[in-house]
Amino acid sequence: MENQIHKLKEELIQVNTQRKQQLLELNHQWEEQKQRAARDHETAMNKLKVEAEKMTLDLKKIHAAETEKALDKVRGSRKAASCGVAKGEPLLSKSDKQSFTKEKCSGVT
């Protein structure tokens, strides 16, 4: 009987040791998964940041081009207005030929 109790105690110790080892392994796997998830998240966030920066740069380029286009349009309108003509009208009307010269309004678009 004592021998049987001794064997059962040894078996219980062995089972407890195995359970502890399994818990340690599970904890290690959980930590690895947690670190992998953190790395994956960081990688995804970095990709999003790069994409956002690229989009911002593209939008700034588009904005600069549109601003330049608008400024060119305003400059053209001012130049035409300084010659006394509206955009799309002939540079000189018949009645204004004596008042204006083509040199004064050269380059008006």
C-alpha atoms as a PDB file:
ATOM      1  CA  MET A   1       0.000   0.000   0.000  1.00  0.00           C
ATOM      2  CA  GLU A   2       2.772   2.413   0.900  1.00  0.00           C
ATOM      3  CA  ASN A   3       4.518   1.497  -2.303  1.00  0.00           C
ATOM      4  CA  GLN A   4       1.376   2.313  -4.258  1.00  0.00           C
ATOM      5  CA  ILE A   5       1.040   5.679  -2.459  1.00  0.00           C
ATOM      6  CA  HIS A   6       4.672   6.429  -3.222  1.00  0.00           C
ATOM      7  CA  LYS A   7       4.159   5.617  -6.944  1.00  0.00           C
ATOM      8  CA  LEU A   8       1.026   7.786  -7.055  1.00  0.00           C
ATOM      9  CA  LYS A   9       2.908  10.703  -5.455  1.00  0.00           C
ATOM     10  CA  GLU A  10       5.713  10.349  -7.997  1.00  0.00           C
ATOM     11  CA  GLU A  11       3.163  10.198 -10.821  1.00  0.00           C
ATOM     12  CA  LEU A  12       1.431  13.303  -9.451  1.00  0.00           C
ATOM     13  CA  ILE A  13       4.760  15.143  -9.268  1.00  0.00           C
ATOM     14  CA  GLN A  14       5.533  14.099 -12.850  1.00  0.00           C
ATOM     15  CA  VAL A  15       2.094  15.217 -14.106  1.00  0.00           C
ATOM     16  CA  ASN A  16       2.428  18.553 -12.281  1.00  0.00           C
ATOM     17  CA  THR A  17       5.888  19.055 -13.780  1.00  0.00           C
ATOM     18  CA  GLN A  18       4.553  18.336 -17.279  1.00  0.00           C
ATOM     19  CA  ARG A  19       1.653  20.736 -16.729  1.00  0.00           C
ATOM     20  CA  LYS A  20       4.028  23.472 -15.594  1.00  0.00           C
ATOM     21  CA  GLN A  21       6.217  22.855 -18.642  1.00  0.00           C
ATOM     22  CA  GLN A  22       3.184  23.042 -20.933  1.00  0.00           C
ATOM     23  CA  LEU A  23       2.106  26.300 -19.290  1.00  0.00           C
ATOM     24  CA  LEU A  24       5.586  27.740 -19.794  1.00  0.00           C
ATOM     25  CA  GLU A  25       5.534  26.711 -23.470  1.00  0.00           C
ATOM     26  CA  LEU A  26       2.066  28.205 -23.958  1.00  0.00           C
ATOM     27  CA  ASN A  27       3.185  31.412 -22.288  1.00  0.00           C
ATOM     28  CA  HIS A  28       6.237  31.536 -24.576  1.00  0.00           C
ATOM     29  CA  GLN A  29       4.059  31.000 -27.667  1.00  0.00           C
ATOM     30  CA  TRP A  30       1.655  33.685 -26.484  1.00  0.00           C
ATOM     31  CA  GLU A  31       4.533  36.157 -26.035  1.00  0.00           C
ATOM     32  CA  GLU A  32       5.838  35.346 -29.528  1.00  0.00           C
ATOM     33  CA  GLN A  33       2.379  35.900 -31.019  1.00  0.00           C
ATOM     34  CA  LYS A  34       2.063  39.180 -29.153  1.00  0.00           C
ATOM     35  CA  GLN A  35       5.444  40.369 -30.463  1.00  0.00           C
ATOM     36  CA  ARG A  36       4.590  39.246 -34.008  1.00  0.00           C
ATOM     37  CA  ALA A  37       1.272  41.113 -33.843  1.00  0.00           C
ATOM     38  CA  ALA A  38       3.063  44.238 -32.608  1.00  0.00           C
ATOM     39  CA  ARG A  39       5.611  44.005 -35.463  1.00  0.00           C
ATOM     40  CA  ASP A  40       2.852  43.437 -38.014  1.00  0.00           C
ATOM     41  CA  HIS A  41       0.934  46.399 -36.643  1.00  0.00           C
ATOM     42  CA  GLU A  42       4.025  48.609 -36.768  1.00  0.00           C
ATOM     43  CA  THR A  43       4.743  47.519 -40.345  1.00  0.00           C
ATOM     44  CA  ALA A  44       1.161  48.270 -41.382  1.00  0.00           C
ATOM     45  CA  MET A  45       1.277  51.676 -39.695  1.00  0.00           C
ATOM     46  CA  ASN A  46       4.568  52.516 -41.411  1.00  0.00           C
ATOM     47  CA  LYS A  47       3.089  51.565 -44.795  1.00  0.00           C
ATOM     48  CA  LEU A  48       0.071  53.773 -44.099  1.00  0.00           C
ATOM     49  CA  LYS A  49       2.331  56.665 -43.088  1.00  0.00           C
ATOM     50  CA  VAL A  50       4.375  56.318 -46.277  1.00  0.00           C
ATOM     51  CA  GLU A  51       1.199  56.161 -48.358  1.00  0.00           C
ATOM     52  CA  ALA A  52      -0.242  59.209 -46.571  1.00  0.00           C
ATOM     53  CA  GLU A  53       2.999  61.158 -47.104  1.00  0.00           C
ATOM     54  CA  LYS A  54       2.969  60.225 -50.802  1.00  0.00           C
ATOM     55  CA  MET A  55      -0.643  61.328 -51.136  1.00  0.00           C
ATOM     56  CA  THR A  56       0.155  64.581 -49.337  1.00  0.00           C
ATOM     57  CA  LEU A  57       3.063  65.229 -51.680  1.00  0.00           C
ATOM     58  CA  ASP A  58       0.902  64.450 -54.726  1.00  0.00           C
ATOM     59  CA  LEU A  59      -1.831  66.781 -53.471  1.00  0.00           C
ATOM     60  CA  LYS A  60       0.713  69.537 -52.837  1.00  0.00           C
ATOM     61  CA  LYS A  61       2.025  69.139 -56.390  1.00  0.00           C
ATOM     62  CA  ILE A  62      -1.509  69.290 -57.794  1.00  0.00           C
ATOM     63  CA  HIS A  63      -2.293  72.323 -55.654  1.00  0.00           C
ATOM     64  CA  ALA A  64       0.876  74.100 -56.781  1.00  0.00           C
ATOM     65  CA  ALA A  65       0.093  73.384 -60.435  1.00  0.00           C
ATOM     66  CA  GLU A  66      -3.494  74.590 -60.066  1.00  0.00           C
ATOM     67  CA  THR A  67      -2.349  77.700 -58.202  1.00  0.00           C
ATOM     68  CA  GLU A  68       0.198  78.471 -60.920  1.00  0.00           C
ATOM     69  CA  LYS A  69      -2.453  77.950 -63.586  1.00  0.00           C
ATOM     70  CA  ALA A  70      -4.833  80.319 -61.770  1.00  0.00           C
ATOM     71  CA  LEU A  71      -2.070  82.898 -61.346  1.00  0.00           C
ATOM     72  CA  ASP A  72      -1.220  82.684 -65.034  1.00  0.00           C
ATOM     73  CA  LYS A  73      -4.874  83.234 -65.850  1.00  0.00           C
ATOM     74  CA  VAL A  74      -5.035  86.271 -63.543  1.00  0.00           C
ATOM     75  CA  ARG A  75      -1.806  87.657 -64.978  1.00  0.00           C
ATOM     76  CA  GLY A  76      -3.227  87.276 -68.500  1.00  0.00           C
ATOM     77  CA  SER A  77      -6.455  89.012 -67.487  1.00  0.00           C
ATOM     78  CA  ARG A  78      -4.565  91.885 -65.853  1.00  0.00           C
ATOM     79  CA  LYS A  79      -2.365  92.313 -68.882  1.00  0.00           C
ATOM     80  CA  ALA A  80      -5.420  92.343 -71.176  1.00  0.00           C
ATOM     81  CA  ALA A  81      -7.189  94.773 -68.846  1.00  0.00           C
ATOM     82  CA  SER A  82      -4.199  97.099 -68.865  1.00  0.00           C
ATOM     83  CA  CYS A  83      -4.512  97.236 -72.660  1.00  0.00           C
ATOM     84  CA  GLY A  84      -8.210  98.078 -72.366  1.00  0.00           C
ATOM     85  CA  VAL A  85      -9.493  94.820 -73.783  1.00  0.00           C
ATOM     86  CA  ALA A  86     -11.357  91.920 -72.284  1.00  0.00           C
ATOM     87  CA  LYS A  87     -10.077  88.394 -72.678  1.00  0.00           C
ATOM     88  CA  GLY A  88     -11.158  86.909 -75.980  1.00  0.00           C
ATOM     89  CA  GLU A  89     -11.784  90.271 -77.625  1.00  0.00           C
ATOM     90  CA  PRO A  90      -9.602  91.599 -80.426  1.00  0.00           C
ATOM     91  CA  LEU A  91      -6.603  93.567 -79.218  1.00  0.00           C
ATOM     92  CA  LEU A  92      -7.706  96.727 -80.998  1.00  0.00           C
ATOM     93  CA  SER A  93     -11.180  97.732 -82.064  1.00  0.00           C
ATOM     94  CA  LYS A  94     -11.574 100.017 -85.089  1.00  0.00           C
ATOM     95  CA  SER A  95     -12.421 103.023 -82.913  1.00  0.00           C
ATOM     96  CA  ASP A  96      -9.410 102.514 -80.636  1.00  0.00           C
ATOM     97  CA  LYS A  97      -6.736 102.181 -83.337  1.00  0.00           C
ATOM     98  CA  GLN A  98      -5.521 105.724 -82.810  1.00  0.00           C
ATOM     99  CA  SER A  99      -5.381 105.273 -78.976  1.00  0.00           C
ATOM    100  CA  PHE A 100      -3.472 102.016 -78.693  1.00  0.00           C
ATOM    101  CA  THR A 101      -0.501 100.497 -80.407  1.00  0.00           C
ATOM    102  CA  LYS A 102       0.214  96.832 -80.867  1.00  0.00           C
ATOM    103  CA  GLU A 103       3.509  97.270 -78.992  1.00  0.00           C
ATOM    104  CA  LYS A 104       1.685  98.392 -75.834  1.00  0.00           C
ATOM    105  CA  CYS A 105      -0.429  95.214 -75.774  1.00  0.00           C
ATOM    106  CA  SER A 106       2.040  92.671 -77.167  1.00  0.00           C
ATOM    107  CA  GLY A 107       1.936  89.285 -75.512  1.00  0.00           C
ATOM    108  CA  VAL A 108      -1.678  89.500 -74.309  1.00  0.00           C
ATOM    109  CA  THR A 109      -3.384  86.117 -74.447  1.00  0.00           C
END
